[in-house]
């Protein structure tokens, strides 16, 4: 489709309201599960760190480009080194399988969806025009 060409469609208002209500329910569910998902992810990261440490210590004799930094103020030393590995040698790093929703983003999005639902429920129009749909499409 060429740029600049407008699409003119009419969508039934009840369908748009239902889609917004579904999206609102999903947003609330995802936000409530966020703490549990984050705890699960942090646990997986801690396990991965232990696995990486075990791998590094088992292969420390193969290390090159060794760097160290002594910190006298807290009497610690940081030792950094490189290992040549193939991707299959090291445990895979955990990935988040969810999207973090900042509290302010959650509040703003929830408010905007709720406002759109209220306005659409008050209309007598049977369909939603394209400009209205474009304004709420980001939530669907």
C-alpha atoms as a PDB file:
ATOM      1  CA  UNK A   1       0.000   0.000   0.000  1.00  0.00           C
ATOM      2  CA  UNK A   2       1.371   3.409  -0.921  1.00  0.00           C
ATOM      3  CA  UNK A   3       2.029   5.945   1.800  1.00  0.00           C
ATOM      4  CA  UNK A   4      -0.368   8.795   2.151  1.00  0.00           C
ATOM      5  CA  UNK A   5      -3.377   6.755   1.098  1.00  0.00           C
ATOM      6  CA  UNK A   6      -6.036   6.743   3.790  1.00  0.00           C
ATOM      7  CA  UNK A   7      -8.036   3.688   4.708  1.00  0.00           C
ATOM      8  CA  UNK A   8     -11.688   4.364   5.326  1.00  0.00           C
ATOM      9  CA  UNK A   9     -13.392   1.650   7.340  1.00  0.00           C
ATOM     10  CA  UNK A  10     -16.232   1.518   9.793  1.00  0.00           C
ATOM     11  CA  UNK A  11     -16.014  -0.868  12.704  1.00  0.00           C
ATOM     12  CA  UNK A  12     -18.970  -1.808  14.878  1.00  0.00           C
ATOM     13  CA  UNK A  13     -18.824   0.098  18.177  1.00  0.00           C
ATOM     14  CA  UNK A  14     -19.630  -2.974  20.327  1.00  0.00           C
ATOM     15  CA  UNK A  15     -16.690  -4.836  18.759  1.00  0.00           C
ATOM     16  CA  UNK A  16     -14.318  -1.972  19.575  1.00  0.00           C
ATOM     17  CA  UNK A  17     -15.655  -1.740  23.144  1.00  0.00           C
ATOM     18  CA  UNK A  18     -15.211  -5.508  23.598  1.00  0.00           C
ATOM     19  CA  UNK A  19     -11.656  -5.348  22.229  1.00  0.00           C
ATOM     20  CA  UNK A  20     -10.796  -2.482  24.593  1.00  0.00           C
ATOM     21  CA  UNK A  21     -12.309  -4.324  27.568  1.00  0.00           C
ATOM     22  CA  UNK A  22     -10.269  -7.420  26.678  1.00  0.00           C
ATOM     23  CA  UNK A  23      -7.114  -5.326  26.386  1.00  0.00           C
ATOM     24  CA  UNK A  24      -7.808  -3.678  29.744  1.00  0.00           C
ATOM     25  CA  UNK A  25      -8.291  -7.086  31.392  1.00  0.00           C
ATOM     26  CA  UNK A  26      -5.007  -8.313  29.865  1.00  0.00           C
ATOM     27  CA  UNK A  27      -3.171  -5.175  31.018  1.00  0.00           C
ATOM     28  CA  UNK A  28      -4.430  -5.604  34.588  1.00  0.00           C
ATOM     29  CA  UNK A  29      -3.584  -9.332  34.600  1.00  0.00           C
ATOM     30  CA  UNK A  30      -0.070  -8.722  33.239  1.00  0.00           C
ATOM     31  CA  UNK A  31       0.564  -5.959  35.769  1.00  0.00           C
ATOM     32  CA  UNK A  32      -0.600  -8.128  38.691  1.00  0.00           C
ATOM     33  CA  UNK A  33       1.605 -11.025  37.561  1.00  0.00           C
ATOM     34  CA  UNK A  34       4.609  -8.770  37.080  1.00  0.00           C
ATOM     35  CA  UNK A  35       6.050  -9.265  40.591  1.00  0.00           C
ATOM     36  CA  UNK A  36       5.815 -13.043  40.306  1.00  0.00           C
ATOM     37  CA  UNK A  37       7.369 -12.967  36.820  1.00  0.00           C
ATOM     38  CA  UNK A  38      10.185 -10.702  38.027  1.00  0.00           C
ATOM     39  CA  UNK A  39      10.911 -12.989  41.011  1.00  0.00           C
ATOM     40  CA  UNK A  40      10.983 -16.023  38.711  1.00  0.00           C
ATOM     41  CA  UNK A  41      13.342 -14.219  36.315  1.00  0.00           C
ATOM     42  CA  UNK A  42      15.661 -13.072  39.144  1.00  0.00           C
ATOM     43  CA  UNK A  43      15.819 -16.643  40.461  1.00  0.00           C
ATOM     44  CA  UNK A  44      16.767 -17.886  36.979  1.00  0.00           C
ATOM     45  CA  UNK A  45      19.451 -15.173  36.688  1.00  0.00           C
ATOM     46  CA  UNK A  46      20.954 -16.160  40.053  1.00  0.00           C
ATOM     47  CA  UNK A  47      21.055 -19.810  38.971  1.00  0.00           C
ATOM     48  CA  UNK A  48      22.670 -18.783  35.675  1.00  0.00           C
ATOM     49  CA  UNK A  49      25.314 -16.704  37.498  1.00  0.00           C
ATOM     50  CA  UNK A  50      26.270 -19.738  39.573  1.00  0.00           C
ATOM     51  CA  UNK A  51      26.500 -21.892  36.443  1.00  0.00           C
ATOM     52  CA  UNK A  52      28.688 -19.291  34.697  1.00  0.00           C
ATOM     53  CA  UNK A  53      30.924 -19.011  37.759  1.00  0.00           C
ATOM     54  CA  UNK A  54      31.333 -22.794  37.889  1.00  0.00           C
ATOM     55  CA  UNK A  55      32.151 -22.847  34.189  1.00  0.00           C
ATOM     56  CA  UNK A  56      34.668 -20.005  34.519  1.00  0.00           C
ATOM     57  CA  UNK A  57      36.413 -21.563  37.520  1.00  0.00           C
ATOM     58  CA  UNK A  58      36.611 -24.944  35.806  1.00  0.00           C
ATOM     59  CA  UNK A  59      38.263 -23.285  32.777  1.00  0.00           C
ATOM     60  CA  UNK A  60      40.372 -20.606  34.500  1.00  0.00           C
ATOM     61  CA  UNK A  61      43.610 -22.215  33.254  1.00  0.00           C
ATOM     62  CA  UNK A  62      42.529 -21.314  29.704  1.00  0.00           C
ATOM     63  CA  UNK A  63      42.128 -17.639  30.654  1.00  0.00           C
ATOM     64  CA  UNK A  64      43.854 -14.860  28.754  1.00  0.00           C
ATOM     65  CA  UNK A  65      43.846 -11.084  28.929  1.00  0.00           C
ATOM     66  CA  UNK A  66      43.758 -11.183  32.736  1.00  0.00           C
ATOM     67  CA  UNK A  67      43.087  -7.881  34.500  1.00  0.00           C
ATOM     68  CA  UNK A  68      42.943  -7.116  38.194  1.00  0.00           C
ATOM     69  CA  UNK A  69      42.006  -4.145  40.318  1.00  0.00           C
ATOM     70  CA  UNK A  70      42.700  -3.924  44.053  1.00  0.00           C
ATOM     71  CA  UNK A  71      40.452  -1.658  46.113  1.00  0.00           C
ATOM     72  CA  UNK A  72      42.160  -0.786  49.374  1.00  0.00           C
ATOM     73  CA  UNK A  73      39.190   1.134  50.779  1.00  0.00           C
ATOM     74  CA  UNK A  74      37.182  -2.068  51.181  1.00  0.00           C
ATOM     75  CA  UNK A  75      40.045  -4.570  50.781  1.00  0.00           C
ATOM     76  CA  UNK A  76      38.672  -6.329  47.708  1.00  0.00           C
ATOM     77  CA  UNK A  77      40.160  -7.362  44.411  1.00  0.00           C
ATOM     78  CA  UNK A  78      38.381  -7.589  41.097  1.00  0.00           C
ATOM     79  CA  UNK A  79      39.816 -10.142  38.684  1.00  0.00           C
ATOM     80  CA  UNK A  80      38.570 -10.077  35.121  1.00  0.00           C
ATOM     81  CA  UNK A  81      39.640 -12.475  32.360  1.00  0.00           C
ATOM     82  CA  UNK A  82      38.558 -13.718  28.964  1.00  0.00           C
ATOM     83  CA  UNK A  83      37.839 -17.269  27.821  1.00  0.00           C
ATOM     84  CA  UNK A  84      37.435 -18.480  24.269  1.00  0.00           C
ATOM     85  CA  UNK A  85      34.227 -20.473  24.107  1.00  0.00           C
ATOM     86  CA  UNK A  86      31.647 -21.604  21.653  1.00  0.00           C
ATOM     87  CA  UNK A  87      28.035 -20.678  22.302  1.00  0.00           C
ATOM     88  CA  UNK A  88      27.171 -24.278  23.124  1.00  0.00           C
ATOM     89  CA  UNK A  89      29.804 -24.412  25.901  1.00  0.00           C
ATOM     90  CA  UNK A  90      28.218 -21.865  28.207  1.00  0.00           C
ATOM     91  CA  UNK A  91      24.790 -22.015  29.805  1.00  0.00           C
ATOM     92  CA  UNK A  92      22.281 -19.784  28.011  1.00  0.00           C
ATOM     93  CA  UNK A  93      21.426 -16.536  29.760  1.00  0.00           C
ATOM     94  CA  UNK A  94      17.778 -16.353  30.882  1.00  0.00           C
ATOM     95  CA  UNK A  95      15.501 -14.076  28.882  1.00  0.00           C
ATOM     96  CA  UNK A  96      12.438 -12.231  30.114  1.00  0.00           C
ATOM     97  CA  UNK A  97       9.306 -13.779  28.645  1.00  0.00           C
ATOM     98  CA  UNK A  98       7.208 -10.815  29.710  1.00  0.00           C
ATOM     99  CA  UNK A  99       7.270  -7.075  29.253  1.00  0.00           C
ATOM    100  CA  UNK A 100       7.924  -4.935  32.315  1.00  0.00           C
ATOM    101  CA  UNK A 101       5.212  -2.305  32.775  1.00  0.00           C
ATOM    102  CA  UNK A 102       6.277   0.763  34.721  1.00  0.00           C
ATOM    103  CA  UNK A 103       3.629   1.830  37.279  1.00  0.00           C
ATOM    104  CA  UNK A 104       3.127   5.238  35.670  1.00  0.00           C
ATOM    105  CA  UNK A 105       2.751   3.641  32.223  1.00  0.00           C
ATOM    106  CA  UNK A 106       0.227   1.208  33.684  1.00  0.00           C
ATOM    107  CA  UNK A 107      -1.809   3.985  35.299  1.00  0.00           C
ATOM    108  CA  UNK A 108      -1.769   6.161  32.169  1.00  0.00           C
ATOM    109  CA  UNK A 109      -2.660   3.320  29.805  1.00  0.00           C
ATOM    110  CA  UNK A 110      -5.394   2.014  32.103  1.00  0.00           C
ATOM    111  CA  UNK A 111      -6.918   5.491  32.427  1.00  0.00           C
ATOM    112  CA  UNK A 112      -6.874   6.089  28.673  1.00  0.00           C
ATOM    113  CA  UNK A 113      -8.478   2.714  27.906  1.00  0.00           C
ATOM    114  CA  UNK A 114     -11.136   3.217  30.572  1.00  0.00           C
ATOM    115  CA  UNK A 115     -11.898   6.701  29.213  1.00  0.00           C
ATOM    116  CA  UNK A 116     -12.194   5.364  25.672  1.00  0.00           C
ATOM    117  CA  UNK A 117     -14.574   2.620  26.834  1.00  0.00           C
ATOM    118  CA  UNK A 118     -16.757   5.129  28.712  1.00  0.00           C
ATOM    119  CA  UNK A 119     -16.930   7.479  25.731  1.00  0.00           C
ATOM    120  CA  UNK A 120     -17.718   4.671  23.284  1.00  0.00           C
ATOM    121  CA  UNK A 121     -20.460   3.336  25.569  1.00  0.00           C
ATOM    122  CA  UNK A 122     -22.110   6.779  25.564  1.00  0.00           C
ATOM    123  CA  UNK A 123     -22.257   7.102  21.784  1.00  0.00           C
ATOM    124  CA  UNK A 124     -25.332   6.374  19.727  1.00  0.00           C
ATOM    125  CA  UNK A 125     -23.221   5.665  16.655  1.00  0.00           C
ATOM    126  CA  UNK A 126     -23.323   2.077  15.439  1.00  0.00           C
ATOM    127  CA  UNK A 127     -19.810   2.257  14.024  1.00  0.00           C
ATOM    128  CA  UNK A 128     -16.518   3.833  14.970  1.00  0.00           C
ATOM    129  CA  UNK A 129     -15.011   6.076  12.312  1.00  0.00           C
ATOM    130  CA  UNK A 130     -11.399   5.832  11.215  1.00  0.00           C
ATOM    131  CA  UNK A 131     -10.125   8.853  13.157  1.00  0.00           C
ATOM    132  CA  UNK A 132     -11.570   7.527  16.413  1.00  0.00           C
ATOM    133  CA  UNK A 133     -10.178   4.087  15.673  1.00  0.00           C
ATOM    134  CA  UNK A 134      -6.741   5.579  14.949  1.00  0.00           C
ATOM    135  CA  UNK A 135      -6.814   7.307  18.346  1.00  0.00           C
ATOM    136  CA  UNK A 136      -7.408   4.036  20.196  1.00  0.00           C
ATOM    137  CA  UNK A 137      -5.662   1.574  17.879  1.00  0.00           C
ATOM    138  CA  UNK A 138      -2.489   1.576  19.966  1.00  0.00           C
ATOM    139  CA  UNK A 139      -4.396  -0.176  22.766  1.00  0.00           C
ATOM    140  CA  UNK A 140      -5.891  -2.921  20.640  1.00  0.00           C
END
